Amino acid sequence: MVTYPRSTLFQMRTAIRHLKTSDPVLGALIERVGPYRIEFREPSFETLVRSIVFQQLSGKVARVIYGRLAGALPDGRVTPEGVLGLRFDRMRRLGLSRQKTIYIRDLARQTVKGKVSFERLPGVTDEEVILHLTAVKGIGEWTAQMFLIFALRRHNVLPTGDLGIRSAIKKAYGLAELPKPREVEELARGWHPYCTVASWYLWRSLDGQAGI
């Protein structure tokens, strides 16, 4: 069971009331899914590596590959130094694609050099976080948005290009086709400033595991 500080619980209740009032369709979906139970991770190198591993894979497969990677490192800790201590071919044998191996190693190098600073990210805006992270090879807007949601705990993130979000909207709103990112933005106008909460409910409505 996930537990939250009292202040966080109050904010969650405020967010859910707002979403139910502003969007009856989303409100019905919230009632069907049940309590908000988002699970957070630390805003760290390890969490960002995990999100890279999870790109374009099912959660089950990604968790197995990530587990192999962690198991190949000292004490099971995914650190920049540990990653750089693994040979490229060894990482490939763990199940990582060639591209993801390149991306993770580049992130490790940039972190060691200080070009990526996880310590400063909690204190900057969402836009600055996205710019900082997407400067690294292989980290796109989606990955940065997942980091904002699940690591930095930002409340108003809307991943308009996410397939799960678009599929859930199509189903909930009875659309003929998947909505385009611009249509998602338009539909979500009333969700602000709690788009993260809306996103979580949309993921859960498909019985998918929202998270990285």
Protein backbone atom coordinates (compact mmCIF):
# COMPACT_ATOMS: atom_id res chain seq x y z
CA MET A 1 0.00 0.00 0.00
CA VAL A 2 1.26 3.47 -0.94
CA THR A 3 1.30 6.03 1.87
CA TYR A 4 1.57 9.80 1.42
CA PRO A 5 2.16 12.81 3.69
CA ARG A 6 -0.99 14.60 4.86
CA SER A 7 -0.22 17.64 2.68
CA THR A 8 0.06 15.41 -0.39
CA LEU A 9 -3.24 13.70 0.40
CA PHE A 10 -4.94 17.09 0.65
CA GLN A 11 -3.55 18.10 -2.74
CA MET A 12 -4.67 14.81 -4.27
CA ARG A 13 -8.21 15.30 -3.01
CA THR A 14 -8.20 18.86 -4.35
CA ALA A 15 -6.99 17.63 -7.74
CA ILE A 16 -9.61 14.91 -7.99
CA ARG A 17 -12.44 17.30 -7.05
CA HIS A 18 -11.23 19.73 -9.71
CA LEU A 19 -11.04 17.06 -12.42
CA LYS A 20 -14.47 15.64 -11.62
CA THR A 21 -16.02 19.11 -11.71
CA SER A 22 -14.29 20.26 -14.88
CA ASP A 23 -14.76 17.08 -16.95
CA PRO A 24 -17.70 14.70 -16.31
CA VAL A 25 -16.25 12.03 -18.63
CA LEU A 26 -12.97 12.02 -16.74
CA GLY A 27 -14.94 12.16 -13.50
CA ALA A 28 -16.76 8.92 -14.38
CA LEU A 29 -13.44 7.31 -15.27
CA ILE A 30 -11.97 8.37 -11.90
CA GLU A 31 -14.93 6.79 -10.10
CA ARG A 32 -14.42 3.55 -12.00
CA VAL A 33 -10.65 3.32 -11.42
CA GLY A 34 -10.80 4.18 -7.73
CA PRO A 35 -8.24 5.78 -5.36
CA TYR A 36 -5.23 7.63 -6.72
CA ARG A 37 -2.16 5.51 -5.96
CA ILE A 38 0.74 6.90 -7.96
CA GLU A 39 4.15 5.51 -6.98
CA PHE A 40 7.18 7.78 -7.07
CA ARG A 41 10.90 7.17 -7.51
CA GLU A 42 13.93 9.23 -6.57
CA PRO A 43 15.03 11.99 -9.04
CA SER A 44 18.26 10.17 -9.77
CA PHE A 45 20.48 8.76 -12.50
CA GLU A 46 19.08 5.31 -11.72
CA THR A 47 15.50 6.42 -12.33
CA LEU A 48 16.35 8.02 -15.66
CA VAL A 49 18.21 4.89 -16.79
CA ARG A 50 15.14 2.89 -15.85
CA SER A 51 12.94 5.12 -18.01
CA ILE A 52 15.30 4.65 -20.98
CA VAL A 53 15.10 0.86 -20.55
CA PHE A 54 11.29 1.10 -20.49
CA GLN A 55 11.06 3.05 -23.76
CA GLN A 56 8.88 1.20 -26.31
CA LEU A 57 8.79 -2.03 -24.29
CA SER A 58 6.07 -3.72 -22.28
CA GLY A 59 6.47 -3.21 -18.55
CA LYS A 60 7.07 -6.95 -17.98
CA VAL A 61 9.92 -7.21 -20.49
CA ALA A 62 11.46 -3.91 -19.39
CA ARG A 63 11.48 -4.94 -15.73
CA VAL A 64 13.35 -8.15 -16.58
CA ILE A 65 16.01 -6.31 -18.59
CA TYR A 66 16.41 -3.62 -15.97
CA GLY A 67 16.76 -6.29 -13.30
CA ARG A 68 19.55 -7.91 -15.28
CA LEU A 69 21.33 -4.58 -15.62
CA ALA A 70 21.09 -3.85 -11.90
CA GLY A 71 22.23 -7.39 -11.10
CA ALA A 72 25.36 -6.93 -13.22
CA LEU A 73 26.46 -3.88 -11.21
CA PRO A 74 28.16 -3.66 -7.78
CA ASP A 75 25.60 -4.02 -4.96
CA GLY A 76 22.83 -3.91 -7.57
CA ARG A 77 23.11 -0.11 -7.74
CA VAL A 78 22.78 1.58 -11.11
CA THR A 79 25.37 4.37 -11.01
CA PRO A 80 27.22 6.25 -13.78
CA GLU A 81 30.52 4.72 -12.71
CA GLY A 82 29.04 1.24 -12.59
CA VAL A 83 27.55 1.56 -16.06
CA LEU A 84 30.83 2.79 -17.52
CA GLY A 85 32.57 -0.14 -15.86
CA LEU A 86 30.52 -2.57 -17.97
CA ARG A 87 31.68 -3.44 -21.45
CA PHE A 88 29.38 -2.48 -24.30
CA ASP A 89 28.93 -6.10 -25.39
CA ARG A 90 28.09 -7.16 -21.85
CA MET A 91 25.28 -4.62 -21.71
CA ARG A 92 23.95 -5.92 -25.01
CA ARG A 93 23.91 -9.48 -23.66
CA LEU A 94 21.75 -8.29 -20.76
CA GLY A 95 19.01 -7.61 -23.30
CA LEU A 96 19.54 -3.92 -24.02
CA SER A 97 19.29 -2.84 -27.63
CA ARG A 98 22.32 -1.28 -29.27
CA GLN A 99 20.67 2.16 -29.23
CA LYS A 100 19.65 1.98 -25.58
CA THR A 101 23.14 0.84 -24.61
CA ILE A 102 24.56 3.88 -26.39
CA TYR A 103 22.04 6.18 -24.72
CA ILE A 104 22.65 4.85 -21.21
CA ARG A 105 26.42 5.03 -21.58
CA ASP A 106 26.20 8.57 -22.95
CA LEU A 107 24.01 9.59 -19.99
CA ALA A 108 26.57 8.06 -17.64
CA ARG A 109 29.42 9.99 -19.27
CA GLN A 110 27.48 13.27 -19.21
CA THR A 111 26.61 12.73 -15.54
CA VAL A 112 30.22 11.99 -14.56
CA LYS A 113 31.33 15.13 -16.41
CA GLY A 114 28.72 17.20 -14.59
CA LYS A 115 26.86 18.15 -17.76
CA VAL A 116 23.79 16.43 -16.37
CA SER A 117 23.10 17.44 -12.78
CA PHE A 118 20.33 15.60 -10.99
CA GLU A 119 20.85 17.75 -7.90
CA ARG A 120 19.68 20.92 -9.64
CA LEU A 121 16.58 19.49 -11.32
CA PRO A 122 14.17 19.73 -8.35
CA GLY A 123 14.69 23.49 -8.25
CA VAL A 124 13.98 24.37 -11.89
CA THR A 125 10.84 24.61 -14.02
CA ASP A 126 9.34 21.77 -16.03
CA GLU A 127 10.53 23.39 -19.24
CA GLU A 128 14.09 23.68 -17.91
CA VAL A 129 14.07 20.04 -16.83
CA ILE A 130 13.00 18.96 -20.32
CA LEU A 131 15.69 21.10 -21.97
CA HIS A 132 18.35 19.81 -19.60
CA LEU A 133 17.52 16.14 -20.09
CA THR A 134 16.76 16.14 -23.81
CA ALA A 135 20.24 17.50 -24.47
CA VAL A 136 21.41 13.93 -23.80
CA LYS A 137 21.39 11.51 -26.72
CA GLY A 138 18.35 9.23 -26.64
CA ILE A 139 16.33 11.20 -24.10
CA GLY A 140 13.28 12.65 -25.75
CA GLU A 141 10.39 14.67 -24.45
CA TRP A 142 8.43 11.58 -23.35
CA THR A 143 11.28 10.30 -21.17
CA ALA A 144 11.75 13.75 -19.64
CA GLN A 145 8.01 13.97 -18.95
CA MET A 146 8.05 10.58 -17.19
CA PHE A 147 10.90 11.87 -15.04
CA LEU A 148 8.88 14.98 -14.22
CA ILE A 149 5.88 12.88 -13.18
CA PHE A 150 7.36 9.92 -11.36
CA ALA A 151 10.62 11.34 -10.00
CA LEU A 152 10.13 15.09 -9.58
CA ARG A 153 6.44 14.70 -8.65
CA ARG A 154 5.23 17.58 -10.81
CA HIS A 155 1.45 17.91 -10.81
CA ASN A 156 0.71 19.40 -14.20
CA VAL A 157 2.45 17.23 -16.80
CA LEU A 158 0.50 16.04 -19.84
CA PRO A 159 2.35 13.62 -22.17
CA THR A 160 0.24 14.37 -25.25
CA GLY A 161 2.22 11.98 -27.46
CA ASP A 162 1.91 9.00 -25.12
CA LEU A 163 0.10 6.10 -26.81
CA GLY A 164 -1.54 4.97 -23.57
CA ILE A 165 -2.93 8.44 -22.88
CA ARG A 166 -4.27 8.77 -26.43
CA SER A 167 -5.77 5.26 -26.40
CA ALA A 168 -7.49 5.89 -23.07
CA ILE A 169 -8.94 9.17 -24.33
CA LYS A 170 -10.20 7.49 -27.51
CA LYS A 171 -11.97 4.83 -25.44
CA ALA A 172 -13.35 7.11 -22.70
CA TYR A 173 -14.63 9.81 -25.03
CA GLY A 174 -15.89 7.47 -27.76
CA LEU A 175 -13.65 8.88 -30.48
CA ALA A 176 -13.41 7.23 -33.89
CA GLU A 177 -9.63 7.58 -34.05
CA LEU A 178 -6.70 8.17 -31.74
CA PRO A 179 -6.59 11.88 -30.91
CA LYS A 180 -3.58 13.81 -32.14
CA PRO A 181 -1.36 15.52 -29.52
CA ARG A 182 -2.94 18.88 -30.34
CA GLU A 183 -6.42 17.42 -29.78
CA VAL A 184 -5.28 16.00 -26.44
CA GLU A 185 -4.13 19.48 -25.42
CA GLU A 186 -7.47 20.96 -26.41
CA LEU A 187 -9.44 18.31 -24.55
CA ALA A 188 -7.30 18.75 -21.44
CA ARG A 189 -7.76 22.51 -21.05
CA GLY A 190 -9.97 22.06 -18.02
CA TRP A 191 -7.59 19.58 -16.36
CA HIS A 192 -4.95 22.17 -15.52
CA PRO A 193 -3.23 22.44 -13.07
CA TYR A 194 -3.61 18.71 -12.38
CA CYS A 195 -2.79 17.04 -15.70
CA THR A 196 -0.50 14.52 -13.99
CA VAL A 197 -3.41 13.16 -11.96
CA ALA A 198 -5.58 12.98 -15.08
CA SER A 199 -2.78 11.18 -16.94
CA TRP A 200 -2.42 8.59 -14.20
CA TYR A 201 -6.13 7.83 -14.26
CA LEU A 202 -6.10 7.51 -18.04
CA TRP A 203 -3.24 5.00 -17.87
CA ARG A 204 -4.96 3.03 -15.14
CA SER A 205 -8.25 2.97 -17.05
CA LEU A 206 -6.55 0.72 -19.61
CA ASP A 207 -5.37 -1.60 -16.83
CA GLY A 208 -1.81 -0.68 -17.71
CA GLN A 209 0.92 -0.06 -15.19
CA ALA A 210 1.51 3.66 -15.15
CA GLY A 211 5.08 4.13 -14.09
CA ILE A 212 8.74 3.71 -14.93
